[in-house]
Amino acid sequence: MSVVSRFKRKLKELEDSINVTIKSSIDANKPVLIAMNTKDQLYGSGEDATGKELVPSYAQSTKLIKRKKGQKTSNVTLKDSGDFYNSVNIQTSTTQAIFSTNVEYYKYLVAHYKTDSILGLQTDNKELFIDKYILPNLKKNFKAIITK
């Protein structure tokens, strides 16, 4: 096999491995992605996937109930019983990752907070995930392909 043919074959192999590696990195780290969405963005900041604050803020009556339960009231968290957070899932393909939930009241949250971006990652969290979880796997796979 000529050097050029070998080089072309390795390039094709590298190209073919990219989406598969990204998917496997996401699949192996779904809990990290879900925590970035629920704990960091929703609970921590009260923001949707676009970085927009969830408004309206809690009513005074809701704040009283949440305080009695020992829950955070400084921003909208969408966390009460934990059912919503626990129901968040991610479906992956080789080209996308889609956040979803199976709680029946999700459609009411979307309507009340006037955003269909409650689920998903903000740009900063996407970049953090890529740097910490996807790029190391891509580098490892690329190295394995190039050195074989």
N, C-alpha and C. Protein backbone atom coordinates (compact mmCIF):
# COMPACT_ATOMS: atom_id res chain seq x y z
N MET A 1 0.85 -1.18 0.00
CA MET A 1 0.00 0.00 0.00
C MET A 1 0.90 1.24 0.00
N SER A 2 0.59 2.17 -0.86
CA SER A 2 1.41 3.38 -0.95
C SER A 2 1.16 4.27 0.26
N VAL A 3 2.08 5.17 0.51
CA VAL A 3 1.98 6.11 1.63
C VAL A 3 0.73 6.97 1.47
N VAL A 4 0.47 7.40 0.27
CA VAL A 4 -0.71 8.25 0.02
C VAL A 4 -2.00 7.47 0.29
N SER A 5 -2.07 6.24 -0.16
CA SER A 5 -3.25 5.40 0.08
C SER A 5 -3.45 5.17 1.57
N ARG A 6 -2.36 4.89 2.25
CA ARG A 6 -2.43 4.66 3.70
C ARG A 6 -2.90 5.93 4.40
N PHE A 7 -2.38 7.07 3.99
CA PHE A 7 -2.76 8.35 4.58
C PHE A 7 -4.25 8.63 4.35
N LYS A 8 -4.73 8.39 3.14
CA LYS A 8 -6.15 8.60 2.82
C LYS A 8 -7.04 7.68 3.67
N ARG A 9 -6.61 6.44 3.83
CA ARG A 9 -7.39 5.49 4.63
C ARG A 9 -7.48 5.95 6.08
N LYS A 10 -6.38 6.40 6.62
CA LYS A 10 -6.38 6.88 8.01
C LYS A 10 -7.23 8.14 8.17
N LEU A 11 -7.17 9.03 7.20
CA LEU A 11 -8.01 10.22 7.25
C LEU A 11 -9.49 9.85 7.24
N LYS A 12 -9.85 8.90 6.40
CA LYS A 12 -11.24 8.43 6.33
C LYS A 12 -11.65 7.81 7.66
N GLU A 13 -10.76 7.02 8.24
CA GLU A 13 -11.03 6.38 9.53
C GLU A 13 -11.21 7.44 10.62
N LEU A 14 -10.36 8.46 10.61
CA LEU A 14 -10.49 9.56 11.58
C LEU A 14 -11.84 10.27 11.41
N GLU A 15 -12.18 10.58 10.19
CA GLU A 15 -13.44 11.27 9.91
C GLU A 15 -14.63 10.43 10.38
N ASP A 16 -14.60 9.15 10.09
CA ASP A 16 -15.70 8.26 10.48
C ASP A 16 -15.83 8.11 11.99
N SER A 17 -14.74 8.30 12.71
CA SER A 17 -14.77 8.10 14.16
C SER A 17 -15.30 9.30 14.94
N ILE A 18 -15.36 10.47 14.33
CA ILE A 18 -15.71 11.69 15.07
C ILE A 18 -17.09 11.61 15.70
N ASN A 19 -18.14 11.42 14.89
CA ASN A 19 -19.50 11.42 15.44
C ASN A 19 -19.73 10.26 16.40
N VAL A 20 -19.15 9.12 16.12
CA VAL A 20 -19.29 7.96 17.01
C VAL A 20 -18.64 8.27 18.36
N THR A 21 -17.50 8.89 18.34
CA THR A 21 -16.80 9.25 19.59
C THR A 21 -17.58 10.30 20.37
N ILE A 22 -18.12 11.27 19.68
CA ILE A 22 -18.94 12.29 20.36
C ILE A 22 -20.15 11.63 21.02
N LYS A 23 -20.84 10.77 20.29
CA LYS A 23 -22.02 10.08 20.84
C LYS A 23 -21.64 9.24 22.05
N SER A 24 -20.57 8.50 21.95
CA SER A 24 -20.18 7.65 23.09
C SER A 24 -19.75 8.49 24.29
N SER A 25 -19.14 9.64 24.06
CA SER A 25 -18.76 10.54 25.16
C SER A 25 -20.00 11.08 25.85
N ILE A 26 -21.00 11.44 25.08
CA ILE A 26 -22.26 11.93 25.65
C ILE A 26 -22.96 10.82 26.41
N ASP A 27 -23.08 9.65 25.78
CA ASP A 27 -23.76 8.52 26.42
C ASP A 27 -23.11 8.14 27.74
N ALA A 28 -21.80 8.18 27.79
CA ALA A 28 -21.07 7.79 29.01
C ALA A 28 -21.18 8.84 30.11
N ASN A 29 -21.58 10.05 29.75
CA ASN A 29 -21.60 11.15 30.72
C ASN A 29 -22.94 11.87 30.80
N LYS A 30 -24.02 11.16 30.52
CA LYS A 30 -25.35 11.77 30.60
C LYS A 30 -25.63 12.39 31.97
N PRO A 31 -25.25 11.72 33.08
CA PRO A 31 -25.51 12.35 34.38
C PRO A 31 -24.83 13.71 34.55
N VAL A 32 -23.65 13.86 33.96
CA VAL A 32 -22.95 15.15 34.03
C VAL A 32 -23.74 16.22 33.27
N LEU A 33 -24.19 15.89 32.08
CA LEU A 33 -24.97 16.83 31.28
C LEU A 33 -26.27 17.21 31.97
N ILE A 34 -26.94 16.23 32.52
CA ILE A 34 -28.21 16.48 33.22
C ILE A 34 -27.98 17.37 34.44
N ALA A 35 -26.90 17.12 35.18
CA ALA A 35 -26.58 17.96 36.34
C ALA A 35 -26.25 19.39 35.91
N MET A 36 -25.57 19.55 34.80
CA MET A 36 -25.28 20.90 34.30
C MET A 36 -26.58 21.65 34.04
N ASN A 37 -27.56 20.95 33.48
CA ASN A 37 -28.84 21.58 33.18
C ASN A 37 -29.65 21.83 34.44
N THR A 38 -29.84 20.80 35.26
CA THR A 38 -30.74 20.94 36.41
C THR A 38 -30.08 21.66 37.59
N LYS A 39 -28.93 21.21 38.00
CA LYS A 39 -28.30 21.77 39.20
C LYS A 39 -27.62 23.12 38.95
N ASP A 40 -26.90 23.22 37.85
CA ASP A 40 -26.15 24.46 37.58
C ASP A 40 -27.06 25.56 37.04
N GLN A 41 -27.75 25.26 35.95
CA GLN A 41 -28.53 26.30 35.28
C GLN A 41 -29.86 26.58 35.97
N LEU A 42 -30.67 25.54 36.18
CA LEU A 42 -31.99 25.76 36.76
C LEU A 42 -31.91 26.09 38.25
N TYR A 43 -31.34 25.19 39.02
CA TYR A 43 -31.29 25.41 40.46
C TYR A 43 -30.33 26.54 40.83
N GLY A 44 -29.14 26.50 40.26
CA GLY A 44 -28.11 27.47 40.63
C GLY A 44 -28.40 28.88 40.18
N SER A 45 -28.89 29.03 38.95
CA SER A 45 -29.06 30.37 38.37
C SER A 45 -30.49 30.73 38.01
N GLY A 46 -31.36 29.75 37.92
CA GLY A 46 -32.73 30.03 37.50
C GLY A 46 -32.80 30.47 36.05
N GLU A 47 -31.95 29.85 35.20
CA GLU A 47 -31.87 30.24 33.80
C GLU A 47 -32.15 29.05 32.89
N ASP A 48 -32.69 29.37 31.71
CA ASP A 48 -32.93 28.33 30.72
C ASP A 48 -31.66 28.09 29.89
N ALA A 49 -31.79 27.28 28.86
CA ALA A 49 -30.63 26.90 28.04
C ALA A 49 -30.06 28.07 27.24
N THR A 50 -30.84 29.13 27.07
CA THR A 50 -30.34 30.30 26.34
C THR A 50 -29.68 31.30 27.28
N GLY A 51 -29.74 31.03 28.60
CA GLY A 51 -29.18 31.96 29.58
C GLY A 51 -30.19 32.98 30.07
N LYS A 52 -31.42 32.84 29.62
CA LYS A 52 -32.49 33.77 30.01
C LYS A 52 -33.05 33.35 31.38
N GLU A 53 -33.23 34.35 32.25
CA GLU A 53 -33.80 34.09 33.58
C GLU A 53 -35.24 33.61 33.44
N LEU A 54 -35.58 32.59 34.23
CA LEU A 54 -36.96 32.10 34.22
C LEU A 54 -37.83 33.11 34.98
N VAL A 55 -38.78 33.70 34.27
CA VAL A 55 -39.70 34.66 34.86
C VAL A 55 -41.11 34.28 34.43
N PRO A 56 -42.09 34.52 35.26
CA PRO A 56 -42.07 35.34 36.47
C PRO A 56 -41.42 34.60 37.64
N SER A 57 -40.96 35.39 38.61
CA SER A 57 -40.39 34.79 39.82
C SER A 57 -41.52 34.16 40.62
N TYR A 58 -41.16 33.42 41.65
CA TYR A 58 -42.17 32.76 42.46
C TYR A 58 -43.09 33.77 43.14
N ALA A 59 -44.35 33.43 43.23
CA ALA A 59 -45.32 34.25 43.99
C ALA A 59 -44.95 34.19 45.47
N GLN A 60 -45.37 35.18 46.22
CA GLN A 60 -45.07 35.21 47.66
C GLN A 60 -45.59 33.95 48.36
N SER A 61 -46.77 33.48 47.95
CA SER A 61 -47.32 32.27 48.57
C SER A 61 -46.43 31.05 48.30
N THR A 62 -45.89 30.97 47.11
CA THR A 62 -44.98 29.87 46.76
C THR A 62 -43.69 29.99 47.57
N LYS A 63 -43.18 31.21 47.69
CA LYS A 63 -41.96 31.42 48.48
C LYS A 63 -42.16 30.99 49.92
N LEU A 64 -43.32 31.29 50.51
CA LEU A 64 -43.60 30.87 51.89
C LEU A 64 -43.58 29.34 52.01
N ILE A 65 -44.22 28.68 51.08
CA ILE A 65 -44.26 27.21 51.09
C ILE A 65 -42.86 26.65 50.92
N LYS A 66 -42.10 27.19 50.00
CA LYS A 66 -40.74 26.70 49.76
C LYS A 66 -39.85 26.94 50.97
N ARG A 67 -40.00 28.08 51.62
CA ARG A 67 -39.21 28.35 52.83
C ARG A 67 -39.53 27.35 53.93
N LYS A 68 -40.80 27.04 54.09
CA LYS A 68 -41.21 26.05 55.11
C LYS A 68 -40.59 24.69 54.83
N LYS A 69 -40.39 24.39 53.55
CA LYS A 69 -39.78 23.12 53.15
C LYS A 69 -38.25 23.19 53.17
N GLY A 70 -37.72 24.40 53.44
CA GLY A 70 -36.26 24.58 53.43
C GLY A 70 -35.69 24.67 52.02
N GLN A 71 -36.51 25.11 51.08
CA GLN A 71 -36.07 25.18 49.68
C GLN A 71 -35.67 26.59 49.28
N LYS A 72 -34.86 26.68 48.30
CA LYS A 72 -34.34 27.93 47.76
C LYS A 72 -35.47 28.77 47.14
N THR A 73 -35.42 30.09 47.40
CA THR A 73 -36.43 30.99 46.83
C THR A 73 -35.82 32.19 46.10
N SER A 74 -34.51 32.28 46.06
CA SER A 74 -33.86 33.45 45.45
C SER A 74 -34.04 33.50 43.94
N ASN A 75 -34.26 32.36 43.32
CA ASN A 75 -34.56 32.31 41.89
C ASN A 75 -35.47 31.11 41.63
N VAL A 76 -36.11 31.13 40.48
CA VAL A 76 -36.95 30.00 40.08
C VAL A 76 -36.04 28.80 39.84
N THR A 77 -36.32 27.70 40.53
CA THR A 77 -35.50 26.49 40.41
C THR A 77 -36.21 25.35 39.68
N LEU A 78 -37.53 25.41 39.64
CA LEU A 78 -38.36 24.34 39.10
C LEU A 78 -38.14 23.03 39.86
N LYS A 79 -37.71 23.15 41.11
CA LYS A 79 -37.51 21.96 41.93
C LYS A 79 -38.38 22.04 43.17
N ASP A 80 -39.21 21.03 43.33
CA ASP A 80 -40.01 20.91 44.55
C ASP A 80 -39.82 19.51 45.10
N SER A 81 -40.46 18.55 44.47
CA SER A 81 -40.34 17.16 44.94
C SER A 81 -39.11 16.47 44.36
N GLY A 82 -38.59 17.01 43.27
CA GLY A 82 -37.45 16.38 42.58
C GLY A 82 -37.87 15.54 41.41
N ASP A 83 -39.20 15.36 41.22
CA ASP A 83 -39.67 14.52 40.12
C ASP A 83 -39.22 15.04 38.76
N PHE A 84 -39.32 16.33 38.56
CA PHE A 84 -38.93 16.91 37.28
C PHE A 84 -37.44 16.68 37.02
N TYR A 85 -36.58 17.05 37.97
CA TYR A 85 -35.14 16.86 37.80
C TYR A 85 -34.80 15.40 37.54
N ASN A 86 -35.44 14.51 38.30
CA ASN A 86 -35.16 13.08 38.17
C ASN A 86 -35.65 12.49 36.84
N SER A 87 -36.57 13.19 36.19
CA SER A 87 -37.14 12.67 34.94
C SER A 87 -36.37 13.11 33.70
N VAL A 88 -35.43 14.04 33.85
CA VAL A 88 -34.70 14.55 32.68
C VAL A 88 -33.83 13.44 32.10
N ASN A 89 -33.90 13.32 30.79
CA ASN A 89 -33.13 12.30 30.09
C ASN A 89 -32.55 12.92 28.83
N ILE A 90 -31.62 12.20 28.22
CA ILE A 90 -31.00 12.66 26.98
C ILE A 90 -31.02 11.52 25.98
N GLN A 91 -31.56 11.81 24.80
CA GLN A 91 -31.51 10.86 23.69
C GLN A 91 -30.40 11.33 22.76
N THR A 92 -29.57 10.38 22.33
CA THR A 92 -28.45 10.75 21.48
C THR A 92 -28.49 9.99 20.16
N SER A 93 -27.94 10.66 19.16
CA SER A 93 -27.66 10.01 17.88
C SER A 93 -26.24 10.44 17.54
N THR A 94 -25.78 10.10 16.37
CA THR A 94 -24.42 10.51 16.02
C THR A 94 -24.35 11.98 15.62
N THR A 95 -25.49 12.65 15.57
CA THR A 95 -25.49 14.06 15.17
C THR A 95 -26.11 15.01 16.19
N GLN A 96 -26.78 14.49 17.23
CA GLN A 96 -27.41 15.39 18.19
C GLN A 96 -27.69 14.72 19.53
N ALA A 97 -27.88 15.57 20.53
CA ALA A 97 -28.30 15.13 21.86
C ALA A 97 -29.51 15.96 22.23
N ILE A 98 -30.61 15.29 22.56
CA ILE A 98 -31.86 15.98 22.85
C ILE A 98 -32.26 15.71 24.30
N PHE A 99 -32.40 16.79 25.07
CA PHE A 99 -32.88 16.69 26.45
C PHE A 99 -34.40 16.53 26.41
N SER A 100 -34.92 15.70 27.32
CA SER A 100 -36.37 15.50 27.38
C SER A 100 -36.78 15.17 28.81
N THR A 101 -38.07 15.20 29.04
CA THR A 101 -38.63 14.81 30.32
C THR A 101 -39.97 14.13 30.06
N ASN A 102 -40.37 13.27 30.97
CA ASN A 102 -41.66 12.61 30.79
C ASN A 102 -42.70 13.07 31.82
N VAL A 103 -42.40 14.12 32.58
CA VAL A 103 -43.41 14.61 33.52
C VAL A 103 -44.52 15.30 32.72
N GLU A 104 -45.74 15.00 33.10
CA GLU A 104 -46.89 15.52 32.35
C GLU A 104 -47.01 17.03 32.41
N TYR A 105 -46.52 17.64 33.48
CA TYR A 105 -46.71 19.08 33.66
C TYR A 105 -45.63 19.93 32.97
N TYR A 106 -44.71 19.30 32.26
CA TYR A 106 -43.66 20.06 31.59
C TYR A 106 -44.24 21.09 30.62
N LYS A 107 -45.28 20.71 29.90
CA LYS A 107 -45.88 21.64 28.93
C LYS A 107 -46.41 22.89 29.64
N TYR A 108 -46.84 22.75 30.89
CA TYR A 108 -47.32 23.92 31.65
C TYR A 108 -46.15 24.80 32.09
N LEU A 109 -45.02 24.17 32.42
CA LEU A 109 -43.83 24.96 32.76
C LEU A 109 -43.38 25.78 31.55
N VAL A 110 -43.37 25.15 30.39
CA VAL A 110 -42.98 25.84 29.15
C VAL A 110 -43.91 27.03 28.91
N ALA A 111 -45.21 26.82 29.07
CA ALA A 111 -46.18 27.89 28.84
C ALA A 111 -46.05 28.99 29.90
N HIS A 112 -45.92 28.60 31.17
CA HIS A 112 -45.86 29.58 32.26
C HIS A 112 -44.60 30.45 32.17
N TYR A 113 -43.47 29.84 31.87
CA TYR A 113 -42.21 30.59 31.81
C TYR A 113 -41.88 31.09 30.40
N LYS A 114 -42.79 30.83 29.46
CA LYS A 114 -42.69 31.34 28.09
C LYS A 114 -41.34 31.04 27.44
N THR A 115 -40.89 29.80 27.61
CA THR A 115 -39.66 29.36 26.97
C THR A 115 -39.74 27.87 26.69
N ASP A 116 -39.29 27.47 25.53
CA ASP A 116 -39.19 26.04 25.23
C ASP A 116 -37.75 25.57 25.39
N SER A 117 -36.95 26.39 26.08
CA SER A 117 -35.53 26.08 26.29
C SER A 117 -35.21 25.81 27.74
N ILE A 118 -36.17 25.32 28.50
CA ILE A 118 -35.89 24.98 29.90
C ILE A 118 -34.83 23.89 29.95
N LEU A 119 -34.99 22.92 29.06
CA LEU A 119 -34.03 21.81 28.99
C LEU A 119 -32.98 22.09 27.92
N GLY A 120 -31.75 21.75 28.24
CA GLY A 120 -30.64 21.95 27.32
C GLY A 120 -29.53 22.71 28.01
N LEU A 121 -28.40 22.83 27.34
CA LEU A 121 -27.24 23.47 27.94
C LEU A 121 -26.96 24.84 27.36
N GLN A 122 -26.53 25.72 28.24
CA GLN A 122 -26.05 27.03 27.82
C GLN A 122 -24.69 26.85 27.14
N THR A 123 -24.31 27.83 26.35
CA THR A 123 -23.07 27.75 25.58
C THR A 123 -21.86 27.45 26.47
N ASP A 124 -21.75 28.12 27.61
CA ASP A 124 -20.60 27.89 28.51
C ASP A 124 -20.54 26.44 28.97
N ASN A 125 -21.68 25.86 29.31
CA ASN A 125 -21.70 24.47 29.75
C ASN A 125 -21.41 23.51 28.59
N LYS A 126 -21.87 23.85 27.40
CA LYS A 126 -21.53 23.02 26.22
C LYS A 126 -20.02 23.01 26.02
N GLU A 127 -19.42 24.19 26.07
CA GLU A 127 -17.97 24.28 25.86
C GLU A 127 -17.20 23.55 26.95
N LEU A 128 -17.65 23.67 28.19
CA LEU A 128 -17.02 22.96 29.30
C LEU A 128 -17.10 21.45 29.08
N PHE A 129 -18.26 20.97 28.69
CA PHE A 129 -18.43 19.53 28.46
C PHE A 129 -17.54 19.06 27.31
N ILE A 130 -17.50 19.82 26.25
CA ILE A 130 -16.66 19.46 25.10
C ILE A 130 -15.20 19.38 25.53
N ASP A 131 -14.72 20.41 26.23
CA ASP A 131 -13.32 20.44 26.66
C ASP A 131 -12.96 19.31 27.62
N LYS A 132 -13.87 19.01 28.53
CA LYS A 132 -13.56 18.05 29.58
C LYS A 132 -13.84 16.59 29.20
N TYR A 133 -14.85 16.36 28.35
CA TYR A 133 -15.26 14.99 28.09
C TYR A 133 -15.11 14.55 26.62
N ILE A 134 -15.39 15.42 25.68
CA ILE A 134 -15.36 15.00 24.29
C ILE A 134 -13.96 15.09 23.68
N LEU A 135 -13.31 16.24 23.85
CA LEU A 135 -11.98 16.40 23.24
C LEU A 135 -10.97 15.36 23.70
N PRO A 136 -10.89 15.05 25.00
CA PRO A 136 -9.94 14.00 25.40
C PRO A 136 -10.21 12.66 24.72
N ASN A 137 -11.48 12.31 24.53
CA ASN A 137 -11.81 11.06 23.84
C ASN A 137 -11.46 11.12 22.36
N LEU A 138 -11.71 12.27 21.74
CA LEU A 138 -11.33 12.42 20.33
C LEU A 138 -9.82 12.30 20.16
N LYS A 139 -9.07 12.96 21.03
CA LYS A 139 -7.61 12.89 20.96
C LYS A 139 -7.12 11.46 21.14
N LYS A 140 -7.70 10.76 22.10
CA LYS A 140 -7.31 9.37 22.37
C LYS A 140 -7.61 8.50 21.15
N ASN A 141 -8.78 8.65 20.57
CA ASN A 141 -9.14 7.86 19.38
C ASN A 141 -8.28 8.22 18.19
N PHE A 142 -8.02 9.51 17.99
CA PHE A 142 -7.17 9.93 16.88
C PHE A 142 -5.78 9.33 17.02
N LYS A 143 -5.24 9.39 18.23
CA LYS A 143 -3.91 8.84 18.47
C LYS A 143 -3.87 7.34 18.17
N ALA A 144 -4.92 6.64 18.61
CA ALA A 144 -4.98 5.19 18.38
C ALA A 144 -5.03 4.88 16.87
N ILE A 145 -5.80 5.66 16.16
CA ILE A 145 -5.93 5.44 14.72
C ILE A 145 -4.61 5.76 13.99
N ILE A 146 -4.00 6.86 14.35
CA ILE A 146 -2.78 7.29 13.67
C ILE A 146 -1.61 6.36 13.95
N THR A 147 -1.55 5.83 15.15
CA THR A 147 -0.39 4.99 15.52
C THR A 147 -0.56 3.52 15.17
N LYS A 148 -1.71 3.12 14.67
CA LYS A 148 -1.83 1.68 14.32
C LYS A 148 -1.43 1.39 12.91
